[in-house]
Amino acid sequence: MQEGLIVKALSGYYYVKPLREGQVVSGEDPSVQCRARGIFKKRGVSPLVGDRVVYSLTENGEGTVDEILPRSSQLIRPPVANVQLAVLLFSVKEPDLNLLLLDKFLVHIEHSGLDTLILLTKQDLAEDSDHTAGRVKKLYESIGYEVMITSSLLGTGTKEVKDRLAGAISVFSGQSGVGKSSLLNALMPGLSLETSEISMRLGRGRHTTRHVELIELDNGGFVADTPGFSQLDFLELGVEELSDCFREFAPYAENCKFRGCSHTHEPGCRVIEAKENGDIAESRYEHYLEFFTEMKEKKRRY
């Protein structure tokens, strides 16, 4: 028996890379095609991409996953284990930057407890007079997020992004057509991932990623390239948890007049006061109200 890392799951098979002293030896050892032991199904547990496992080799050169080692994190969608960093890709142009969707992704990631890196892609398409990326970077950095501006075409930011991904499992997500595959090809020349043209009529890209797979970088990092999402819902998140997912609300919320303040209408609400004073961005507060309303309506329906 030996330890390994599941890098792909497809059609009931798990593709496991051997670990040595807890680390995948970059570039060495092809993955072993494994089946999972029946005991997992009885327990209602499934191995996930990103799982560290104990496996044994069978006579035909394949293997069996015998044990799943403890997970540090688990995402439901996409189904990946042991992710440390969520990388959100949003393009400056084609499709246009969608801050409402960005804030929705951030709410989900705050709820999951992962670190976040926001990548503003396709900077090469921005006109000289367009300072959108700079303004957005300044706003989200003031909240406490890490933001990088990139262009796969020009190579802008590629080295910085790759350095940030070293030695960890990261999940790439974002709106369809923002250049995830192009960026991964720039990070690891030779990958030749399929990219797709943007549908100008729909304003979004065709999904090019069909299953979750860990793409190995040459610096000990792995990237889970996942299908592009154009919508998310809040089914796993309670409405009372929403304000905690807006991290800039925290220092004001604790001083609200009423305990359990929803920050929507109450007198003595320090969050509303901070928004009116310009200490909380108008766009972020408006998106909070929109999500709050959406969640309330969903709660009534269920």
C-alpha atoms as a PDB file:
ATOM      1  CA  MET A   1       0.000   0.000   0.000  1.00  0.00           C
ATOM      2  CA  GLN A   2       1.123   3.540  -0.678  1.00  0.00           C
ATOM      3  CA  GLU A   3      -0.182   7.101  -0.546  1.00  0.00           C
ATOM      4  CA  GLY A   4      -1.327   9.037  -3.576  1.00  0.00           C
ATOM      5  CA  LEU A   5      -3.294  12.051  -4.792  1.00  0.00           C
ATOM      6  CA  ILE A   6      -6.427  11.704  -6.931  1.00  0.00           C
ATOM      7  CA  VAL A   7      -5.899  13.998  -9.929  1.00  0.00           C
ATOM      8  CA  LYS A   8      -8.906  12.933 -12.038  1.00  0.00           C
ATOM      9  CA  ALA A   9     -12.213  11.077 -11.632  1.00  0.00           C
ATOM     10  CA  LEU A  10     -13.952   9.758 -14.724  1.00  0.00           C
ATOM     11  CA  SER A  11     -16.510   7.003 -15.399  1.00  0.00           C
ATOM     12  CA  GLY A  12     -16.016   5.293 -12.040  1.00  0.00           C
ATOM     13  CA  TYR A  13     -12.216   5.351 -12.226  1.00  0.00           C
ATOM     14  CA  TYR A  14      -9.879   7.415 -10.049  1.00  0.00           C
ATOM     15  CA  TYR A  15      -6.495   8.422 -11.428  1.00  0.00           C
ATOM     16  CA  VAL A  16      -3.984   8.515  -8.584  1.00  0.00           C
ATOM     17  CA  LYS A  17      -0.509  10.097  -8.617  1.00  0.00           C
ATOM     18  CA  PRO A  18       1.952   8.488  -6.157  1.00  0.00           C
ATOM     19  CA  LEU A  19       3.155  10.635  -3.246  1.00  0.00           C
ATOM     20  CA  ARG A  20       6.658  10.521  -1.800  1.00  0.00           C
ATOM     21  CA  GLU A  21       7.111  12.000   1.650  1.00  0.00           C
ATOM     22  CA  GLY A  22       3.707  13.601   1.245  1.00  0.00           C
ATOM     23  CA  GLN A  23       4.536  15.295  -2.063  1.00  0.00           C
ATOM     24  CA  VAL A  24       3.879  14.463  -5.702  1.00  0.00           C
ATOM     25  CA  VAL A  25       7.215  14.295  -7.486  1.00  0.00           C
ATOM     26  CA  SER A  26       6.619  16.743 -10.317  1.00  0.00           C
ATOM     27  CA  GLY A  27       6.696  15.238 -13.784  1.00  0.00           C
ATOM     28  CA  GLU A  28       7.498  11.733 -12.555  1.00  0.00           C
ATOM     29  CA  ASP A  29       5.318   8.636 -12.181  1.00  0.00           C
ATOM     30  CA  PRO A  30       2.232   8.378 -14.408  1.00  0.00           C
ATOM     31  CA  SER A  31      -1.075   8.204 -12.579  1.00  0.00           C
ATOM     32  CA  VAL A  32      -2.487   4.793 -11.621  1.00  0.00           C
ATOM     33  CA  GLN A  33      -6.022   3.961 -12.746  1.00  0.00           C
ATOM     34  CA  CYS A  34      -7.919   2.797  -9.652  1.00  0.00           C
ATOM     35  CA  ARG A  35     -11.350   1.609  -8.592  1.00  0.00           C
ATOM     36  CA  ALA A  36     -12.691   2.473  -5.126  1.00  0.00           C
ATOM     37  CA  ARG A  37     -13.407  -0.272  -2.596  1.00  0.00           C
ATOM     38  CA  GLY A  38     -17.070  -1.155  -2.147  1.00  0.00           C
ATOM     39  CA  ILE A  39     -16.925  -0.148   1.520  1.00  0.00           C
ATOM     40  CA  PHE A  40     -17.037   3.544   0.535  1.00  0.00           C
ATOM     41  CA  LYS A  41     -20.411   3.110  -1.173  1.00  0.00           C
ATOM     42  CA  LYS A  42     -21.820   1.361   1.915  1.00  0.00           C
ATOM     43  CA  ARG A  43     -20.684   4.303   4.048  1.00  0.00           C
ATOM     44  CA  GLY A  44     -22.126   6.827   1.584  1.00  0.00           C
ATOM     45  CA  VAL A  45     -18.668   8.287   0.938  1.00  0.00           C
ATOM     46  CA  SER A  46     -17.053   8.952  -2.436  1.00  0.00           C
ATOM     47  CA  PRO A  47     -13.397   9.708  -3.138  1.00  0.00           C
ATOM     48  CA  LEU A  48     -12.956  13.179  -4.656  1.00  0.00           C
ATOM     49  CA  VAL A  49     -10.418  14.788  -6.933  1.00  0.00           C
ATOM     50  CA  GLY A  50      -7.847  16.325  -4.571  1.00  0.00           C
ATOM     51  CA  ASP A  51      -8.164  13.545  -1.996  1.00  0.00           C
ATOM     52  CA  ARG A  52      -5.017  12.080  -0.510  1.00  0.00           C
ATOM     53  CA  VAL A  53      -5.609   8.349  -0.406  1.00  0.00           C
ATOM     54  CA  VAL A  54      -4.020   5.037   0.476  1.00  0.00           C
ATOM     55  CA  TYR A  55      -4.138   2.669  -2.496  1.00  0.00           C
ATOM     56  CA  SER A  56      -2.830  -0.755  -3.436  1.00  0.00           C
ATOM     57  CA  LEU A  57      -1.756  -2.087  -6.832  1.00  0.00           C
ATOM     58  CA  THR A  58      -3.594  -5.002  -8.424  1.00  0.00           C
ATOM     59  CA  GLU A  59      -2.148  -7.700 -10.665  1.00  0.00           C
ATOM     60  CA  ASN A  60      -3.264  -6.029 -13.906  1.00  0.00           C
ATOM     61  CA  GLY A  61      -1.278  -2.858 -13.200  1.00  0.00           C
ATOM     62  CA  GLU A  62      -4.302  -0.956 -11.983  1.00  0.00           C
ATOM     63  CA  GLY A  63      -5.105  -0.147  -8.348  1.00  0.00           C
ATOM     64  CA  THR A  64      -7.688   0.023  -5.577  1.00  0.00           C
ATOM     65  CA  VAL A  65      -8.400   3.052  -3.381  1.00  0.00           C
ATOM     66  CA  ASP A  66      -8.440   1.556   0.137  1.00  0.00           C
ATOM     67  CA  GLU A  67      -8.626   4.622   2.394  1.00  0.00           C
ATOM     68  CA  ILE A  68      -9.360   8.347   2.122  1.00  0.00           C
ATOM     69  CA  LEU A  69      -7.061  10.419   4.343  1.00  0.00           C
ATOM     70  CA  PRO A  70      -8.566  13.327   6.375  1.00  0.00           C
ATOM     71  CA  ARG A  71      -9.590  16.339   4.268  1.00  0.00           C
ATOM     72  CA  SER A  72      -8.701  19.945   5.068  1.00  0.00           C
ATOM     73  CA  SER A  73     -11.610  21.209   2.934  1.00  0.00           C
ATOM     74  CA  GLN A  74     -14.361  19.913   0.687  1.00  0.00           C
ATOM     75  CA  LEU A  75     -16.282  21.746  -2.026  1.00  0.00           C
ATOM     76  CA  ILE A  76     -19.688  20.531  -3.179  1.00  0.00           C
ATOM     77  CA  ARG A  77     -19.574  22.266  -6.548  1.00  0.00           C
ATOM     78  CA  PRO A  78     -17.136  21.638  -8.079  1.00  0.00           C
ATOM     79  CA  PRO A  79     -16.537  18.398  -6.115  1.00  0.00           C
ATOM     80  CA  VAL A  80     -12.903  18.837  -5.047  1.00  0.00           C
ATOM     81  CA  ALA A  81     -11.136  18.123  -1.739  1.00  0.00           C
ATOM     82  CA  ASN A  82      -8.203  19.836   0.001  1.00  0.00           C
ATOM     83  CA  VAL A  83      -8.418  23.075  -1.978  1.00  0.00           C
ATOM     84  CA  GLN A  84      -6.506  25.918  -0.319  1.00  0.00           C
ATOM     85  CA  LEU A  85      -7.072  28.777  -2.767  1.00  0.00           C
ATOM     86  CA  ALA A  86     -10.046  29.859  -4.889  1.00  0.00           C
ATOM     87  CA  VAL A  87      -8.978  31.774  -7.988  1.00  0.00           C
ATOM     88  CA  LEU A  88     -11.801  33.860  -9.481  1.00  0.00           C
ATOM     89  CA  LEU A  89     -11.304  34.918 -13.079  1.00  0.00           C
ATOM     90  CA  PHE A  90     -13.293  37.854 -14.411  1.00  0.00           C
ATOM     91  CA  SER A  91     -12.496  39.545 -17.709  1.00  0.00           C
ATOM     92  CA  VAL A  92     -12.217  43.274 -18.215  1.00  0.00           C
ATOM     93  CA  LYS A  93     -13.825  42.888 -21.673  1.00  0.00           C
ATOM     94  CA  GLU A  94     -15.550  40.156 -23.721  1.00  0.00           C
ATOM     95  CA  PRO A  95     -17.505  39.419 -21.600  1.00  0.00           C
ATOM     96  CA  ASP A  96     -17.703  42.721 -19.718  1.00  0.00           C
ATOM     97  CA  LEU A  97     -16.774  42.759 -16.045  1.00  0.00           C
ATOM     98  CA  ASN A  98     -19.750  41.586 -13.982  1.00  0.00           C
ATOM     99  CA  LEU A  99     -19.302  42.803 -10.393  1.00  0.00           C
ATOM    100  CA  LEU A 100     -22.660  41.382  -9.270  1.00  0.00           C
ATOM    101  CA  LEU A 101     -21.511  37.883 -10.241  1.00  0.00           C
ATOM    102  CA  LEU A 102     -18.052  38.500  -8.748  1.00  0.00           C
ATOM    103  CA  ASP A 103     -19.642  39.427  -5.411  1.00  0.00           C
ATOM    104  CA  LYS A 104     -21.842  36.332  -5.581  1.00  0.00           C
ATOM    105  CA  PHE A 105     -18.757  34.123  -6.044  1.00  0.00           C
ATOM    106  CA  LEU A 106     -17.061  35.923  -3.153  1.00  0.00           C
ATOM    107  CA  VAL A 107     -20.024  35.229  -0.862  1.00  0.00           C
ATOM    108  CA  HIS A 108     -19.787  31.500  -1.623  1.00  0.00           C
ATOM    109  CA  ILE A 109     -16.024  31.449  -1.092  1.00  0.00           C
ATOM    110  CA  GLU A 110     -16.237  33.387   2.191  1.00  0.00           C
ATOM    111  CA  HIS A 111     -18.801  30.801   3.318  1.00  0.00           C
ATOM    112  CA  SER A 112     -16.464  27.927   2.365  1.00  0.00           C
ATOM    113  CA  GLY A 113     -13.553  29.518   4.264  1.00  0.00           C
ATOM    114  CA  LEU A 114     -11.017  29.395   1.406  1.00  0.00           C
ATOM    115  CA  ASP A 115      -8.417  32.033   0.599  1.00  0.00           C
ATOM    116  CA  THR A 116      -9.267  34.048  -2.512  1.00  0.00           C
ATOM    117  CA  LEU A 117      -7.321  35.452  -5.444  1.00  0.00           C
ATOM    118  CA  ILE A 118      -9.210  37.662  -7.919  1.00  0.00           C
ATOM    119  CA  LEU A 119      -7.742  37.711 -11.434  1.00  0.00           C
ATOM    120  CA  LEU A 120      -8.895  40.438 -13.821  1.00  0.00           C
ATOM    121  CA  THR A 121      -8.157  38.913 -17.233  1.00  0.00           C
ATOM    122  CA  LYS A 122      -7.903  40.143 -20.846  1.00  0.00           C
ATOM    123  CA  GLN A 123      -6.347  43.486 -19.918  1.00  0.00           C
ATOM    124  CA  ASP A 124      -5.027  43.627 -23.521  1.00  0.00           C
ATOM    125  CA  LEU A 125      -8.611  44.278 -24.716  1.00  0.00           C
ATOM    126  CA  ALA A 126      -9.037  47.368 -22.516  1.00  0.00           C
ATOM    127  CA  GLU A 127      -8.753  50.727 -24.257  1.00  0.00           C
ATOM    128  CA  ASP A 128      -6.164  53.240 -23.034  1.00  0.00           C
ATOM    129  CA  SER A 129      -8.921  55.385 -21.528  1.00  0.00           C
ATOM    130  CA  ASP A 130     -10.507  52.433 -19.709  1.00  0.00           C
ATOM    131  CA  HIS A 131      -9.270  52.251 -16.116  1.00  0.00           C
ATOM    132  CA  THR A 132     -11.909  49.732 -14.959  1.00  0.00           C
ATOM    133  CA  ALA A 133      -9.387  47.081 -13.879  1.00  0.00           C
ATOM    134  CA  GLY A 134      -7.441  49.593 -11.798  1.00  0.00           C
ATOM    135  CA  ARG A 135     -10.584  50.865 -10.048  1.00  0.00           C
ATOM    136  CA  VAL A 136     -11.850  47.353  -9.314  1.00  0.00           C
ATOM    137  CA  LYS A 137      -8.411  46.287  -8.053  1.00  0.00           C
ATOM    138  CA  LYS A 138      -8.298  49.268  -5.681  1.00  0.00           C
ATOM    139  CA  LEU A 139     -11.835  48.586  -4.376  1.00  0.00           C
ATOM    140  CA  TYR A 140     -11.350  44.882  -3.645  1.00  0.00           C
ATOM    141  CA  GLU A 141      -7.858  45.311  -2.221  1.00  0.00           C
ATOM    142  CA  SER A 142      -9.289  47.906   0.202  1.00  0.00           C
ATOM    143  CA  ILE A 143     -11.718  45.183   1.401  1.00  0.00           C
ATOM    144  CA  GLY A 144      -8.805  42.801   1.933  1.00  0.00           C
ATOM    145  CA  TYR A 145      -8.795  40.652  -1.206  1.00  0.00           C
ATOM    146  CA  GLU A 146      -5.743  39.808  -3.266  1.00  0.00           C
ATOM    147  CA  VAL A 147      -6.179  41.067  -6.854  1.00  0.00           C
ATOM    148  CA  MET A 148      -3.967  40.648  -9.936  1.00  0.00           C
ATOM    149  CA  ILE A 149      -4.440  42.055 -13.451  1.00  0.00           C
ATOM    150  CA  THR A 150      -3.470  39.654 -16.242  1.00  0.00           C
ATOM    151  CA  SER A 151      -3.279  39.256 -20.003  1.00  0.00           C
ATOM    152  CA  SER A 152      -2.496  35.809 -21.405  1.00  0.00           C
ATOM    153  CA  LEU A 153      -1.862  37.391 -24.822  1.00  0.00           C
ATOM    154  CA  LEU A 154       0.770  39.833 -23.513  1.00  0.00           C
ATOM    155  CA  GLY A 155       2.008  37.608 -20.667  1.00  0.00           C
ATOM    156  CA  THR A 156       1.079  40.266 -18.085  1.00  0.00           C
ATOM    157  CA  GLY A 157       0.939  38.847 -14.568  1.00  0.00           C
ATOM    158  CA  THR A 158       1.609  35.240 -15.640  1.00  0.00           C
ATOM    159  CA  LYS A 159       4.736  34.787 -13.502  1.00  0.00           C
ATOM    160  CA  GLU A 160       3.120  36.389 -10.441  1.00  0.00           C
ATOM    161  CA  VAL A 161       0.068  34.139 -10.735  1.00  0.00           C
ATOM    162  CA  LYS A 162       2.199  31.009 -11.160  1.00  0.00           C
ATOM    163  CA  ASP A 163       4.298  31.892  -8.101  1.00  0.00           C
ATOM    164  CA  ARG A 164       1.097  32.358  -6.077  1.00  0.00           C
ATOM    165  CA  LEU A 165      -0.152  28.887  -7.047  1.00  0.00           C
ATOM    166  CA  ALA A 166       3.055  27.057  -6.073  1.00  0.00           C
ATOM    167  CA  GLY A 167       2.718  24.103  -3.704  1.00  0.00           C
ATOM    168  CA  ALA A 168      -1.075  24.273  -3.252  1.00  0.00           C
ATOM    169  CA  ILE A 169      -4.300  22.957  -4.757  1.00  0.00           C
ATOM    170  CA  SER A 170      -6.234  25.845  -6.290  1.00  0.00           C
ATOM    171  CA  VAL A 171      -9.652  25.891  -7.911  1.00  0.00           C
ATOM    172  CA  PHE A 172     -10.228  28.117 -10.941  1.00  0.00           C
ATOM    173  CA  SER A 173     -13.765  29.436 -11.347  1.00  0.00           C
ATOM    174  CA  GLY A 174     -15.521  32.355 -12.918  1.00  0.00           C
ATOM    175  CA  GLN A 175     -17.810  33.401 -15.699  1.00  0.00           C
ATOM    176  CA  SER A 176     -17.612  31.386 -18.937  1.00  0.00           C
ATOM    177  CA  GLY A 177     -15.325  32.750 -21.631  1.00  0.00           C
ATOM    178  CA  VAL A 178     -13.041  34.809 -19.374  1.00  0.00           C
ATOM    179  CA  GLY A 179      -9.871  33.015 -20.458  1.00  0.00           C
ATOM    180  CA  LYS A 180      -9.305  30.259 -17.868  1.00  0.00           C
ATOM    181  CA  SER A 181      -7.918  27.802 -20.424  1.00  0.00           C
ATOM    182  CA  SER A 182      -5.814  30.523 -22.076  1.00  0.00           C
ATOM    183  CA  LEU A 183      -4.277  31.455 -18.731  1.00  0.00           C
ATOM    184  CA  LEU A 184      -3.519  27.812 -17.879  1.00  0.00           C
ATOM    185  CA  ASN A 185      -1.878  27.388 -21.295  1.00  0.00           C
ATOM    186  CA  ALA A 186       0.228  30.490 -20.542  1.00  0.00           C
ATOM    187  CA  LEU A 187       1.183  29.138 -17.092  1.00  0.00           C
ATOM    188  CA  MET A 188       2.193  25.749 -18.505  1.00  0.00           C
ATOM    189  CA  PRO A 189       3.174  25.949 -22.191  1.00  0.00           C
ATOM    190  CA  GLY A 190       2.552  22.545 -23.740  1.00  0.00           C
ATOM    191  CA  LEU A 191      -0.770  21.933 -21.963  1.00  0.00           C
ATOM    192  CA  SER A 192      -2.725  22.881 -25.107  1.00  0.00           C
ATOM    193  CA  LEU A 193      -6.067  23.064 -23.330  1.00  0.00           C
ATOM    194  CA  GLU A 194      -9.035  23.656 -25.583  1.00  0.00           C
ATOM    195  CA  THR A 195     -10.140  27.298 -25.651  1.00  0.00           C
ATOM    196  CA  SER A 196     -13.321  28.715 -27.137  1.00  0.00           C
ATOM    197  CA  GLU A 197     -14.266  31.887 -28.927  1.00  0.00           C
ATOM    198  CA  ILE A 198     -16.695  34.202 -27.176  1.00  0.00           C
ATOM    199  CA  SER A 199     -20.209  34.248 -28.512  1.00  0.00           C
ATOM    200  CA  MET A 200     -20.737  37.969 -29.061  1.00  0.00           C
ATOM    201  CA  ARG A 201     -24.492  37.426 -29.426  1.00  0.00           C
ATOM    202  CA  LEU A 202     -24.777  35.756 -26.029  1.00  0.00           C
ATOM    203  CA  GLY A 203     -21.890  37.622 -24.433  1.00  0.00           C
ATOM    204  CA  ARG A 204     -20.531  34.442 -22.936  1.00  0.00           C
ATOM    205  CA  GLY A 205     -18.276  31.584 -23.902  1.00  0.00           C
ATOM    206  CA  ARG A 206     -18.999  27.980 -24.692  1.00  0.00           C
ATOM    207  CA  HIS A 207     -18.007  25.725 -21.788  1.00  0.00           C
ATOM    208  CA  THR A 208     -14.763  23.972 -22.686  1.00  0.00           C
ATOM    209  CA  THR A 209     -14.211  22.010 -19.443  1.00  0.00           C
ATOM    210  CA  ARG A 210     -16.242  18.824 -19.046  1.00  0.00           C
ATOM    211  CA  HIS A 211     -14.937  17.158 -15.896  1.00  0.00           C
ATOM    212  CA  VAL A 212     -12.902  18.158 -12.863  1.00  0.00           C
ATOM    213  CA  GLU A 213      -9.230  17.400 -13.195  1.00  0.00           C
ATOM    214  CA  LEU A 214      -6.130  18.580 -11.352  1.00  0.00           C
ATOM    215  CA  ILE A 215      -3.657  20.131 -13.746  1.00  0.00           C
ATOM    216  CA  GLU A 216      -0.120  19.779 -12.445  1.00  0.00           C
ATOM    217  CA  LEU A 217       2.156  22.811 -12.554  1.00  0.00           C
ATOM    218  CA  ASP A 218       5.937  22.429 -12.479  1.00  0.00           C
ATOM    219  CA  ASN A 219       6.247  24.168  -9.088  1.00  0.00           C
ATOM    220  CA  GLY A 220       4.315  21.711  -6.893  1.00  0.00           C
ATOM    221  CA  GLY A 221       0.984  23.410  -7.526  1.00  0.00           C
ATOM    222  CA  PHE A 222      -2.207  21.840  -8.857  1.00  0.00           C
ATOM    223  CA  VAL A 223      -5.105  23.670 -10.471  1.00  0.00           C
ATOM    224  CA  ALA A 224      -8.635  22.265 -10.574  1.00  0.00           C
ATOM    225  CA  ASP A 225      -9.972  23.514 -13.873  1.00  0.00           C
ATOM    226  CA  THR A 226     -13.753  23.475 -13.580  1.00  0.00           C
ATOM    227  CA  PRO A 227     -16.728  24.176 -15.854  1.00  0.00           C
ATOM    228  CA  GLY A 228     -17.526  27.885 -16.170  1.00  0.00           C
ATOM    229  CA  PHE A 229     -20.529  28.990 -14.160  1.00  0.00           C
ATOM    230  CA  SER A 230     -22.879  31.726 -15.256  1.00  0.00           C
ATOM    231  CA  GLN A 231     -25.148  31.418 -12.232  1.00  0.00           C
ATOM    232  CA  LEU A 232     -24.979  30.356  -8.611  1.00  0.00           C
ATOM    233  CA  ASP A 233     -27.644  29.986  -5.976  1.00  0.00           C
ATOM    234  CA  PHE A 234     -27.602  30.319  -2.200  1.00  0.00           C
ATOM    235  CA  LEU A 235     -29.246  27.034  -1.220  1.00  0.00           C
ATOM    236  CA  GLU A 236     -26.446  26.030   1.183  1.00  0.00           C
ATOM    237  CA  LEU A 237     -26.258  29.467   2.818  1.00  0.00           C
ATOM    238  CA  GLY A 238     -28.674  30.819   5.416  1.00  0.00           C
ATOM    239  CA  VAL A 239     -29.862  34.423   5.028  1.00  0.00           C
ATOM    240  CA  GLU A 240     -28.619  35.190   8.546  1.00  0.00           C
ATOM    241  CA  GLU A 241     -25.079  34.210   7.417  1.00  0.00           C
ATOM    242  CA  LEU A 242     -25.016  36.536   4.411  1.00  0.00           C
ATOM    243  CA  SER A 243     -23.648  39.673   6.088  1.00  0.00           C
ATOM    244  CA  ASP A 244     -20.726  37.654   7.519  1.00  0.00           C
ATOM    245  CA  CYS A 245     -19.704  36.956   3.908  1.00  0.00           C
ATOM    246  CA  PHE A 246     -19.215  40.698   3.264  1.00  0.00           C
ATOM    247  CA  ARG A 247     -15.994  41.061   5.222  1.00  0.00           C
ATOM    248  CA  GLU A 248     -15.980  44.884   5.214  1.00  0.00           C
ATOM    249  CA  PHE A 249     -19.292  44.876   7.157  1.00  0.00           C
ATOM    250  CA  ALA A 250     -17.750  43.203  10.229  1.00  0.00           C
ATOM    251  CA  PRO A 251     -16.220  46.207  12.076  1.00  0.00           C
ATOM    252  CA  TYR A 252     -19.501  48.137  11.741  1.00  0.00           C
ATOM    253  CA  ALA A 253     -22.008  45.288  12.254  1.00  0.00           C
ATOM    254  CA  GLU A 254     -20.795  44.575  15.783  1.00  0.00           C
ATOM    255  CA  ASN A 255     -21.830  48.101  16.808  1.00  0.00           C
ATOM    256  CA  CYS A 256     -25.358  48.031  15.329  1.00  0.00           C
ATOM    257  CA  LYS A 257     -28.104  49.104  17.709  1.00  0.00           C
ATOM    258  CA  PHE A 258     -30.095  45.865  17.333  1.00  0.00           C
ATOM    259  CA  ARG A 259     -28.735  42.371  17.740  1.00  0.00           C
ATOM    260  CA  GLY A 260     -29.333  40.322  14.586  1.00  0.00           C
ATOM    261  CA  CYS A 261     -29.545  43.521  12.507  1.00  0.00           C
ATOM    262  CA  SER A 262     -30.195  42.683   8.838  1.00  0.00           C
ATOM    263  CA  HIS A 263     -28.501  45.936   7.674  1.00  0.00           C
ATOM    264  CA  THR A 264     -31.443  46.661   5.379  1.00  0.00           C
ATOM    265  CA  HIS A 265     -33.679  49.164   7.220  1.00  0.00           C
ATOM    266  CA  GLU A 266     -33.072  49.146  10.985  1.00  0.00           C
ATOM    267  CA  PRO A 267     -32.475  52.426  12.884  1.00  0.00           C
ATOM    268  CA  GLY A 268     -28.999  52.655  14.381  1.00  0.00           C
ATOM    269  CA  CYS A 269     -27.530  50.331  11.739  1.00  0.00           C
ATOM    270  CA  ARG A 270     -23.796  51.105  11.556  1.00  0.00           C
ATOM    271  CA  VAL A 271     -23.433  49.276   8.204  1.00  0.00           C
ATOM    272  CA  ILE A 272     -25.971  51.579   6.504  1.00  0.00           C
ATOM    273  CA  GLU A 273     -24.246  54.539   8.180  1.00  0.00           C
ATOM    274  CA  ALA A 274     -20.843  53.390   6.869  1.00  0.00           C
ATOM    275  CA  LYS A 275     -22.294  53.030   3.355  1.00  0.00           C
ATOM    276  CA  GLU A 276     -23.722  56.567   3.513  1.00  0.00           C
ATOM    277  CA  ASN A 277     -20.353  57.875   4.736  1.00  0.00           C
ATOM    278  CA  GLY A 278     -18.562  56.191   1.823  1.00  0.00           C
ATOM    279  CA  ASP A 279     -16.726  53.683   4.042  1.00  0.00           C
ATOM    280  CA  ILE A 280     -18.542  50.766   2.376  1.00  0.00           C
ATOM    281  CA  ALA A 281     -18.763  50.804  -1.435  1.00  0.00           C
ATOM    282  CA  GLU A 282     -22.224  51.531  -2.824  1.00  0.00           C
ATOM    283  CA  SER A 283     -21.956  48.638  -5.310  1.00  0.00           C
ATOM    284  CA  ARG A 284     -21.118  46.119  -2.598  1.00  0.00           C
ATOM    285  CA  TYR A 285     -24.022  47.253  -0.396  1.00  0.00           C
ATOM    286  CA  GLU A 286     -26.469  47.208  -3.325  1.00  0.00           C
ATOM    287  CA  HIS A 287     -25.377  43.660  -4.175  1.00  0.00           C
ATOM    288  CA  TYR A 288     -25.834  42.666  -0.523  1.00  0.00           C
ATOM    289  CA  LEU A 289     -29.440  43.934  -0.657  1.00  0.00           C
ATOM    290  CA  GLU A 290     -30.042  42.080  -3.931  1.00  0.00           C
ATOM    291  CA  PHE A 291     -28.719  38.788  -2.505  1.00  0.00           C
ATOM    292  CA  PHE A 292     -30.672  39.316   0.726  1.00  0.00           C
ATOM    293  CA  THR A 293     -33.923  39.755  -1.226  1.00  0.00           C
ATOM    294  CA  GLU A 294     -33.164  36.764  -3.448  1.00  0.00           C
ATOM    295  CA  MET A 295     -32.518  34.549  -0.426  1.00  0.00           C
ATOM    296  CA  LYS A 296     -35.662  35.713   1.376  1.00  0.00           C
ATOM    297  CA  GLU A 297     -37.790  34.913  -1.692  1.00  0.00           C
ATOM    298  CA  LYS A 298     -36.177  31.471  -2.048  1.00  0.00           C
ATOM    299  CA  LYS A 299     -36.806  30.742   1.618  1.00  0.00           C
ATOM    300  CA  ARG A 300     -40.500  31.537   1.146  1.00  0.00           C
ATOM    301  CA  ARG A 301     -40.723  29.218  -1.871  1.00  0.00           C
ATOM    302  CA  TYR A 302     -39.179  26.221  -0.105  1.00  0.00           C
END
